[in-house]
PDB file of N, CA and C in Angstrom:
ATOM      1  N   MET A   1     -26.188 -13.349   2.237  1.00  0.00           N
ATOM      2  CA  MET A   1     -25.306 -14.467   2.479  1.00  0.00           C
ATOM      3  C   MET A   1     -23.891 -14.085   2.039  1.00  0.00           C
ATOM      4  N   ILE A   2     -22.939 -14.314   2.900  1.00  0.00           N
ATOM      5  CA  ILE A   2     -21.551 -13.976   2.597  1.00  0.00           C
ATOM      6  C   ILE A   2     -20.987 -15.025   1.651  1.00  0.00           C
ATOM      7  N   ARG A   3     -20.361 -14.539   0.604  1.00  0.00           N
ATOM      8  CA  ARG A   3     -19.677 -15.418  -0.337  1.00  0.00           C
ATOM      9  C   ARG A   3     -18.211 -15.023  -0.347  1.00  0.00           C
ATOM     10  N   TYR A   4     -17.375 -15.975  -0.105  1.00  0.00           N
ATOM     11  CA  TYR A   4     -15.945 -15.693  -0.061  1.00  0.00           C
ATOM     12  C   TYR A   4     -15.317 -16.036  -1.405  1.00  0.00           C
ATOM     13  N   ASN A   5     -15.542 -15.154  -2.381  1.00  0.00           N
ATOM     14  CA  ASN A   5     -14.921 -15.328  -3.690  1.00  0.00           C
ATOM     15  C   ASN A   5     -14.523 -13.957  -4.231  1.00  0.00           C
ATOM     16  N   LYS A   6     -13.769 -13.975  -5.296  1.00  0.00           N
ATOM     17  CA  LYS A   6     -13.224 -12.739  -5.868  1.00  0.00           C
ATOM     18  C   LYS A   6     -14.339 -11.810  -6.363  1.00  0.00           C
ATOM     19  N   GLN A   7     -15.411 -12.373  -6.910  1.00  0.00           N
ATOM     20  CA  GLN A   7     -16.512 -11.550  -7.411  1.00  0.00           C
ATOM     21  C   GLN A   7     -17.180 -10.764  -6.288  1.00  0.00           C
ATOM     22  N   TYR A   8     -17.363 -11.410  -5.135  1.00  0.00           N
ATOM     23  CA  TYR A   8     -17.984 -10.719  -4.004  1.00  0.00           C
ATOM     24  C   TYR A   8     -17.053  -9.640  -3.463  1.00  0.00           C
ATOM     25  N   LEU A   9     -15.758  -9.934  -3.427  1.00  0.00           N
ATOM     26  CA  LEU A   9     -14.780  -8.932  -3.021  1.00  0.00           C
ATOM     27  C   LEU A   9     -14.830  -7.734  -3.964  1.00  0.00           C
ATOM     28  N   ASN A  10     -14.952  -7.981  -5.247  1.00  0.00           N
ATOM     29  CA  ASN A  10     -15.057  -6.897  -6.228  1.00  0.00           C
ATOM     30  C   ASN A  10     -16.307  -6.047  -5.991  1.00  0.00           C
ATOM     31  N   LYS A  11     -17.416  -6.682  -5.613  1.00  0.00           N
ATOM     32  CA  LYS A  11     -18.638  -5.928  -5.326  1.00  0.00           C
ATOM     33  C   LYS A  11     -18.443  -5.028  -4.113  1.00  0.00           C
ATOM     34  N   LEU A  12     -17.768  -5.537  -3.089  1.00  0.00           N
ATOM     35  CA  LEU A  12     -17.502  -4.722  -1.902  1.00  0.00           C
ATOM     36  C   LEU A  12     -16.573  -3.560  -2.248  1.00  0.00           C
ATOM     37  N   GLU A  13     -15.602  -3.811  -3.111  1.00  0.00           N
ATOM     38  CA  GLU A  13     -14.698  -2.749  -3.550  1.00  0.00           C
ATOM     39  C   GLU A  13     -15.452  -1.697  -4.362  1.00  0.00           C
ATOM     40  N   GLU A  14     -16.442  -2.102  -5.145  1.00  0.00           N
ATOM     41  CA  GLU A  14     -17.257  -1.148  -5.905  1.00  0.00           C
ATOM     42  C   GLU A  14     -18.062  -0.254  -4.972  1.00  0.00           C
ATOM     43  N   ILE A  15     -18.577  -0.832  -3.889  1.00  0.00           N
ATOM     44  CA  ILE A  15     -19.313  -0.032  -2.904  1.00  0.00           C
ATOM     45  C   ILE A  15     -18.378   1.014  -2.304  1.00  0.00           C
ATOM     46  N   MET A  16     -17.171   0.604  -1.947  1.00  0.00           N
ATOM     47  CA  MET A  16     -16.208   1.549  -1.391  1.00  0.00           C
ATOM     48  C   MET A  16     -15.857   2.633  -2.404  1.00  0.00           C
ATOM     49  N   ALA A  17     -15.803   2.282  -3.672  1.00  0.00           N
ATOM     50  CA  ALA A  17     -15.477   3.259  -4.718  1.00  0.00           C
ATOM     51  C   ALA A  17     -16.563   4.325  -4.846  1.00  0.00           C
ATOM     52  N   GLU A  18     -17.785   3.993  -4.470  1.00  0.00           N
ATOM     53  CA  GLU A  18     -18.885   4.948  -4.556  1.00  0.00           C
ATOM     54  C   GLU A  18     -18.981   5.845  -3.325  1.00  0.00           C
ATOM     55  N   THR A  19     -18.149   5.580  -2.314  1.00  0.00           N
ATOM     56  CA  THR A  19     -18.119   6.438  -1.129  1.00  0.00           C
ATOM     57  C   THR A  19     -17.015   7.466  -1.303  1.00  0.00           C
ATOM     58  N   GLN A  20     -16.823   8.277  -0.289  1.00  0.00           N
ATOM     59  CA  GLN A  20     -15.772   9.287  -0.319  1.00  0.00           C
ATOM     60  C   GLN A  20     -14.433   8.705   0.135  1.00  0.00           C
ATOM     61  N   PHE A  21     -14.409   7.416   0.454  1.00  0.00           N
ATOM     62  CA  PHE A  21     -13.198   6.786   0.974  1.00  0.00           C
ATOM     63  C   PHE A  21     -12.374   6.169  -0.145  1.00  0.00           C
ATOM     64  N   THR A  22     -11.060   6.230   0.016  1.00  0.00           N
ATOM     65  CA  THR A  22     -10.119   5.575  -0.883  1.00  0.00           C
ATOM     66  C   THR A  22      -9.734   4.254  -0.235  1.00  0.00           C
ATOM     67  N   LEU A  23      -9.891   3.167  -0.956  1.00  0.00           N
ATOM     68  CA  LEU A  23      -9.542   1.850  -0.444  1.00  0.00           C
ATOM     69  C   LEU A  23      -8.111   1.532  -0.842  1.00  0.00           C
ATOM     70  N   ARG A  24      -7.303   1.175   0.159  1.00  0.00           N
ATOM     71  CA  ARG A  24      -5.905   0.835  -0.115  1.00  0.00           C
ATOM     72  C   ARG A  24      -5.562  -0.491   0.549  1.00  0.00           C
ATOM     73  N   TYR A  25      -4.835  -1.310  -0.175  1.00  0.00           N
ATOM     74  CA  TYR A  25      -4.300  -2.555   0.366  1.00  0.00           C
ATOM     75  C   TYR A  25      -2.823  -2.315   0.651  1.00  0.00           C
ATOM     76  N   GLU A  26      -2.449  -2.416   1.906  1.00  0.00           N
ATOM     77  CA  GLU A  26      -1.076  -2.151   2.327  1.00  0.00           C
ATOM     78  C   GLU A  26      -0.564  -3.334   3.145  1.00  0.00           C
ATOM     79  N   LYS A  27       0.752  -3.476   3.207  1.00  0.00           N
ATOM     80  CA  LYS A  27       1.333  -4.518   4.033  1.00  0.00           C
ATOM     81  C   LYS A  27       1.679  -3.940   5.396  1.00  0.00           C
ATOM     82  N   GLY A  28       1.673  -4.802   6.391  1.00  0.00           N
ATOM     83  CA  GLY A  28       2.006  -4.365   7.733  1.00  0.00           C
ATOM     84  C   GLY A  28       1.224  -5.134   8.777  1.00  0.00           C
ATOM     85  N   HIS A  29       1.509  -4.846  10.008  1.00  0.00           N
ATOM     86  CA  HIS A  29       0.827  -5.480  11.132  1.00  0.00           C
ATOM     87  C   HIS A  29      -0.124  -4.451  11.728  1.00  0.00           C
ATOM     88  N   PHE A  30      -1.326  -4.411  11.226  1.00  0.00           N
ATOM     89  CA  PHE A  30      -2.306  -3.461  11.714  1.00  0.00           C
ATOM     90  C   PHE A  30      -3.690  -4.063  11.596  1.00  0.00           C
ATOM     91  N   LYS A  31      -4.577  -3.491  12.327  1.00  0.00           N
ATOM     92  CA  LYS A  31      -5.971  -3.883  12.278  1.00  0.00           C
ATOM     93  C   LYS A  31      -6.615  -3.136  11.121  1.00  0.00           C
ATOM     94  N   PRO A  32      -7.399  -3.799  10.278  1.00  0.00           N
ATOM     95  CA  PRO A  32      -8.026  -3.080   9.166  1.00  0.00           C
ATOM     96  C   PRO A  32      -9.024  -2.059   9.689  1.00  0.00           C
ATOM     97  N   GLY A  33      -9.173  -0.999   8.956  1.00  0.00           N
ATOM     98  CA  GLY A  33     -10.112   0.022   9.369  1.00  0.00           C
ATOM     99  C   GLY A  33     -10.038   1.228   8.476  1.00  0.00           C
ATOM    100  N   TYR A  34     -10.521   2.337   8.977  1.00  0.00           N
ATOM    101  CA  TYR A  34     -10.496   3.553   8.190  1.00  0.00           C
ATOM    102  C   TYR A  34     -10.019   4.701   9.049  1.00  0.00           C
ATOM    103  N   CYS A  35      -9.536   5.728   8.381  1.00  0.00           N
ATOM    104  CA  CYS A  35      -9.095   6.916   9.094  1.00  0.00           C
ATOM    105  C   CYS A  35      -9.317   8.137   8.207  1.00  0.00           C
ATOM    106  N   ILE A  36      -9.287   9.298   8.836  1.00  0.00           N
ATOM    107  CA  ILE A  36      -9.426  10.553   8.108  1.00  0.00           C
ATOM    108  C   ILE A  36      -8.179  11.380   8.417  1.00  0.00           C
ATOM    109  N   LEU A  37      -7.389  11.650   7.387  1.00  0.00           N
ATOM    110  CA  LEU A  37      -6.159  12.415   7.525  1.00  0.00           C
ATOM    111  C   LEU A  37      -6.273  13.685   6.702  1.00  0.00           C
ATOM    112  N   LYS A  38      -6.402  14.813   7.376  1.00  0.00           N
ATOM    113  CA  LYS A  38      -6.480  16.095   6.679  1.00  0.00           C
ATOM    114  C   LYS A  38      -7.461  16.052   5.505  1.00  0.00           C
ATOM    115  N   ASP A  39      -8.676  15.717   5.776  1.00  0.00           N
ATOM    116  CA  ASP A  39      -9.763  15.653   4.796  1.00  0.00           C
ATOM    117  C   ASP A  39      -9.595  14.548   3.763  1.00  0.00           C
ATOM    118  N   THR A  40      -8.630  13.660   3.930  1.00  0.00           N
ATOM    119  CA  THR A  40      -8.472  12.514   3.047  1.00  0.00           C
ATOM    120  C   THR A  40      -8.992  11.295   3.786  1.00  0.00           C
ATOM    121  N   LYS A  41     -10.006  10.672   3.248  1.00  0.00           N
ATOM    122  CA  LYS A  41     -10.611   9.505   3.891  1.00  0.00           C
ATOM    123  C   LYS A  41     -10.024   8.254   3.258  1.00  0.00           C
ATOM    124  N   ILE A  42      -9.413   7.408   4.099  1.00  0.00           N
ATOM    125  CA  ILE A  42      -8.720   6.225   3.626  1.00  0.00           C
ATOM    126  C   ILE A  42      -9.208   5.008   4.407  1.00  0.00           C
ATOM    127  N   ALA A  43      -9.487   3.936   3.691  1.00  0.00           N
ATOM    128  CA  ALA A  43      -9.789   2.648   4.304  1.00  0.00           C
ATOM    129  C   ALA A  43      -8.628   1.720   3.980  1.00  0.00           C
ATOM    130  N   LEU A  44      -8.029   1.104   5.013  1.00  0.00           N
ATOM    131  CA  LEU A  44      -6.866   0.245   4.834  1.00  0.00           C
ATOM    132  C   LEU A  44      -7.202  -1.204   5.137  1.00  0.00           C
ATOM    133  N   VAL A  45      -6.717  -2.082   4.273  1.00  0.00           N
ATOM    134  CA  VAL A  45      -6.850  -3.519   4.472  1.00  0.00           C
ATOM    135  C   VAL A  45      -5.473  -4.121   4.217  1.00  0.00           C
ATOM    136  N   ASN A  46      -5.090  -5.066   5.042  1.00  0.00           N
ATOM    137  CA  ASN A  46      -3.795  -5.715   4.884  1.00  0.00           C
ATOM    138  C   ASN A  46      -3.793  -6.524   3.596  1.00  0.00           C
ATOM    139  N   LYS A  47      -2.828  -6.286   2.727  1.00  0.00           N
ATOM    140  CA  LYS A  47      -2.813  -6.942   1.424  1.00  0.00           C
ATOM    141  C   LYS A  47      -2.414  -8.411   1.522  1.00  0.00           C
ATOM    142  N   PHE A  48      -1.896  -8.840   2.661  1.00  0.00           N
ATOM    143  CA  PHE A  48      -1.526 -10.237   2.822  1.00  0.00           C
ATOM    144  C   PHE A  48      -2.639 -11.075   3.457  1.00  0.00           C
ATOM    145  N   TYR A  49      -3.787 -10.466   3.732  1.00  0.00           N
ATOM    146  CA  TYR A  49      -4.929 -11.228   4.234  1.00  0.00           C
ATOM    147  C   TYR A  49      -5.377 -12.224   3.175  1.00  0.00           C
ATOM    148  N   THR A  50      -5.973 -13.294   3.634  1.00  0.00           N
ATOM    149  CA  THR A  50      -6.591 -14.242   2.711  1.00  0.00           C
ATOM    150  C   THR A  50      -7.825 -13.583   2.109  1.00  0.00           C
ATOM    151  N   LEU A  51      -8.389 -14.210   1.112  1.00  0.00           N
ATOM    152  CA  LEU A  51      -9.606 -13.687   0.485  1.00  0.00           C
ATOM    153  C   LEU A  51     -10.715 -13.530   1.522  1.00  0.00           C
ATOM    154  N   GLU A  52     -10.857 -14.519   2.385  1.00  0.00           N
ATOM    155  CA  GLU A  52     -11.872 -14.460   3.437  1.00  0.00           C
ATOM    156  C   GLU A  52     -11.604 -13.291   4.387  1.00  0.00           C
ATOM    157  N   GLY A  53     -10.353 -13.070   4.731  1.00  0.00           N
ATOM    158  CA  GLY A  53      -9.986 -11.967   5.616  1.00  0.00           C
ATOM    159  C   GLY A  53     -10.277 -10.616   4.991  1.00  0.00           C
ATOM    160  N   LYS A  54     -10.007 -10.481   3.699  1.00  0.00           N
ATOM    161  CA  LYS A  54     -10.280  -9.223   3.001  1.00  0.00           C
ATOM    162  C   LYS A  54     -11.778  -8.949   2.940  1.00  0.00           C
ATOM    163  N   VAL A  55     -12.566  -9.986   2.646  1.00  0.00           N
ATOM    164  CA  VAL A  55     -14.025  -9.815   2.589  1.00  0.00           C
ATOM    165  C   VAL A  55     -14.552  -9.404   3.957  1.00  0.00           C
ATOM    166  N   ASN A  56     -14.117 -10.107   5.003  1.00  0.00           N
ATOM    167  CA  ASN A  56     -14.579  -9.772   6.361  1.00  0.00           C
ATOM    168  C   ASN A  56     -14.155  -8.365   6.772  1.00  0.00           C
ATOM    169  N   ALA A  57     -12.922  -7.981   6.439  1.00  0.00           N
ATOM    170  CA  ALA A  57     -12.440  -6.645   6.791  1.00  0.00           C
ATOM    171  C   ALA A  57     -13.254  -5.572   6.075  1.00  0.00           C
ATOM    172  N   LEU A  58     -13.503  -5.754   4.775  1.00  0.00           N
ATOM    173  CA  LEU A  58     -14.292  -4.763   4.039  1.00  0.00           C
ATOM    174  C   LEU A  58     -15.723  -4.689   4.558  1.00  0.00           C
ATOM    175  N   MET A  59     -16.293  -5.841   4.905  1.00  0.00           N
ATOM    176  CA  MET A  59     -17.647  -5.825   5.453  1.00  0.00           C
ATOM    177  C   MET A  59     -17.687  -5.051   6.761  1.00  0.00           C
ATOM    178  N   ASP A  60     -16.686  -5.260   7.622  1.00  0.00           N
ATOM    179  CA  ASP A  60     -16.629  -4.536   8.895  1.00  0.00           C
ATOM    180  C   ASP A  60     -16.483  -3.035   8.668  1.00  0.00           C
ATOM    181  N   ILE A  61     -15.639  -2.652   7.721  1.00  0.00           N
ATOM    182  CA  ILE A  61     -15.434  -1.228   7.426  1.00  0.00           C
ATOM    183  C   ILE A  61     -16.720  -0.613   6.886  1.00  0.00           C
ATOM    184  N   ILE A  62     -17.379  -1.312   5.968  1.00  0.00           N
ATOM    185  CA  ILE A  62     -18.618  -0.791   5.374  1.00  0.00           C
ATOM    186  C   ILE A  62     -19.683  -0.609   6.451  1.00  0.00           C
ATOM    187  N   LYS A  63     -19.743  -1.530   7.409  1.00  0.00           N
ATOM    188  CA  LYS A  63     -20.714  -1.401   8.497  1.00  0.00           C
ATOM    189  C   LYS A  63     -20.427  -0.180   9.366  1.00  0.00           C
ATOM    190  N   LEU A  64     -19.143   0.144   9.551  1.00  0.00           N
ATOM    191  CA  LEU A  64     -18.775   1.292  10.388  1.00  0.00           C
ATOM    192  C   LEU A  64     -19.065   2.624   9.702  1.00  0.00           C
ATOM    193  N   LEU A  65     -18.953   2.646   8.387  1.00  0.00           N
ATOM    194  CA  LEU A  65     -19.224   3.876   7.649  1.00  0.00           C
ATOM    195  C   LEU A  65     -20.729   4.097   7.594  1.00  0.00           C
ATOM    196  N   ASP A  66     -21.123   5.316   7.598  1.00  0.00           N
ATOM    197  CA  ASP A  66     -22.551   5.632   7.536  1.00  0.00           C
ATOM    198  C   ASP A  66     -22.911   5.882   6.074  1.00  0.00           C
ATOM    199  N   ILE A  67     -23.064   4.788   5.323  1.00  0.00           N
ATOM    200  CA  ILE A  67     -23.340   4.883   3.886  1.00  0.00           C
ATOM    201  C   ILE A  67     -24.846   4.891   3.683  1.00  0.00           C
ATOM    202  N   ASP A  68     -25.320   5.893   2.974  1.00  0.00           N
ATOM    203  CA  ASP A  68     -26.736   5.995   2.655  1.00  0.00           C
ATOM    204  C   ASP A  68     -27.029   5.114   1.435  1.00  0.00           C
ATOM    205  N   PRO A  69     -27.874   4.086   1.580  1.00  0.00           N
ATOM    206  CA  PRO A  69     -28.167   3.205   0.448  1.00  0.00           C
ATOM    207  C   PRO A  69     -28.758   3.937  -0.754  1.00  0.00           C
ATOM    208  N   ASP A  70     -29.404   5.074  -0.513  1.00  0.00           N
ATOM    209  CA  ASP A  70     -30.005   5.812  -1.626  1.00  0.00           C
ATOM    210  C   ASP A  70     -28.960   6.504  -2.494  1.00  0.00           C
ATOM    211  N   GLN A  71     -27.740   6.644  -1.993  1.00  0.00           N
ATOM    212  CA  GLN A  71     -26.695   7.304  -2.764  1.00  0.00           C
ATOM    213  C   GLN A  71     -25.762   6.308  -3.450  1.00  0.00           C
ATOM    214  N   ILE A  72     -26.088   5.031  -3.357  1.00  0.00           N
ATOM    215  CA  ILE A  72     -25.322   3.969  -4.003  1.00  0.00           C
ATOM    216  C   ILE A  72     -26.105   3.513  -5.237  1.00  0.00           C
ATOM    217  N   SER A  73     -25.394   3.100  -6.260  1.00  0.00           N
ATOM    218  CA  SER A  73     -26.057   2.641  -7.479  1.00  0.00           C
ATOM    219  C   SER A  73     -26.962   1.447  -7.176  1.00  0.00           C
ATOM    220  N   GLU A  74     -27.947   1.257  -8.023  1.00  0.00           N
ATOM    221  CA  GLU A  74     -28.944   0.205  -7.820  1.00  0.00           C
ATOM    222  C   GLU A  74     -28.293  -1.175  -7.728  1.00  0.00           C
ATOM    223  N   LYS A  75     -27.300  -1.440  -8.571  1.00  0.00           N
ATOM    224  CA  LYS A  75     -26.689  -2.776  -8.559  1.00  0.00           C
ATOM    225  C   LYS A  75     -25.905  -3.039  -7.281  1.00  0.00           C
ATOM    226  N   ASN A  76     -25.367  -1.997  -6.653  1.00  0.00           N
ATOM    227  CA  ASN A  76     -24.612  -2.177  -5.419  1.00  0.00           C
ATOM    228  C   ASN A  76     -25.482  -2.035  -4.179  1.00  0.00           C
ATOM    229  N   ARG A  77     -26.669  -1.480  -4.326  1.00  0.00           N
ATOM    230  CA  ARG A  77     -27.554  -1.257  -3.179  1.00  0.00           C
ATOM    231  C   ARG A  77     -27.945  -2.573  -2.515  1.00  0.00           C
ATOM    232  N   LYS A  78     -28.242  -3.589  -3.335  1.00  0.00           N
ATOM    233  CA  LYS A  78     -28.630  -4.884  -2.771  1.00  0.00           C
ATOM    234  C   LYS A  78     -27.496  -5.480  -1.944  1.00  0.00           C
ATOM    235  N   VAL A  79     -26.280  -5.373  -2.440  1.00  0.00           N
ATOM    236  CA  VAL A  79     -25.126  -5.909  -1.719  1.00  0.00           C
ATOM    237  C   VAL A  79     -24.911  -5.116  -0.433  1.00  0.00           C
ATOM    238  N   LEU A  80     -25.044  -3.796  -0.498  1.00  0.00           N
ATOM    239  CA  LEU A  80     -24.869  -2.962   0.691  1.00  0.00           C
ATOM    240  C   LEU A  80     -25.887  -3.326   1.766  1.00  0.00           C
ATOM    241  N   ILE A  81     -27.129  -3.461   1.396  1.00  0.00           N
ATOM    242  CA  ILE A  81     -28.161  -3.827   2.370  1.00  0.00           C
ATOM    243  C   ILE A  81     -27.883  -5.209   2.955  1.00  0.00           C
ATOM    244  N   GLU A  82     -27.426  -6.121   2.110  1.00  0.00           N
ATOM    245  CA  GLU A  82     -27.064  -7.464   2.566  1.00  0.00           C
ATOM    246  C   GLU A  82     -25.931  -7.405   3.588  1.00  0.00           C
ATOM    247  N   VAL A  83     -24.933  -6.576   3.329  1.00  0.00           N
ATOM    248  CA  VAL A  83     -23.805  -6.427   4.251  1.00  0.00           C
ATOM    249  C   VAL A  83     -24.274  -5.825   5.565  1.00  0.00           C
ATOM    250  N   LEU A  84     -25.094  -4.804   5.510  1.00  0.00           N
ATOM    251  CA  LEU A  84     -25.558  -4.126   6.719  1.00  0.00           C
ATOM    252  C   LEU A  84     -26.417  -5.047   7.588  1.00  0.00           C
ATOM    253  N   GLU A  85     -27.113  -6.011   6.968  1.00  0.00           N
ATOM    254  CA  GLU A  85     -27.981  -6.900   7.709  1.00  0.00           C
ATOM    255  C   GLU A  85     -27.260  -8.152   8.207  1.00  0.00           C
ATOM    256  N   THR A  86     -26.037  -8.376   7.752  1.00  0.00           N
ATOM    257  CA  THR A  86     -25.264  -9.548   8.158  1.00  0.00           C
ATOM    258  C   THR A  86     -24.727  -9.345   9.573  1.00  0.00           C
ATOM    259  N   PRO A  87     -24.924 -10.323  10.458  1.00  0.00           N
ATOM    260  CA  PRO A  87     -24.377 -10.169  11.801  1.00  0.00           C
ATOM    261  C   PRO A  87     -22.847 -10.187  11.771  1.00  0.00           C
ATOM    262  N   ALA A  88     -22.251  -9.596  12.771  1.00  0.00           N
ATOM    263  CA  ALA A  88     -20.790  -9.503  12.852  1.00  0.00           C
ATOM    264  C   ALA A  88     -20.180 -10.894  12.978  1.00  0.00           C
ATOM    265  N   VAL A  89     -19.034 -11.084  12.327  1.00  0.00           N
ATOM    266  CA  VAL A  89     -18.308 -12.346  12.406  1.00  0.00           C
ATOM    267  C   VAL A  89     -17.385 -12.284  13.614  1.00  0.00           C
ATOM    268  N   ILE A  90     -17.511 -13.275  14.472  1.00  0.00           N
ATOM    269  CA  ILE A  90     -16.693 -13.294  15.699  1.00  0.00           C
ATOM    270  C   ILE A  90     -15.687 -14.415  15.613  1.00  0.00           C
TER     271      ILE A  90
END
């Protein structure tokens, strides 16, 4: 179940911290996502998004990444599986 609060956002950020990607909040007019620049993996989210927008953007990014649940810590594994099983928000 998606929860739009700071604690849930922190859990999603912890999952990203356990991957090879660097999570950055930047300002600008862009679609959130990830890119690979010269072996540097970066996930970008607009820092002016609302809390709900940040949660949805991180969930979409996490779904696109091929994260192995076995390589994530036990406390974050449940959240990762929950995110992967959540249908896309339209």
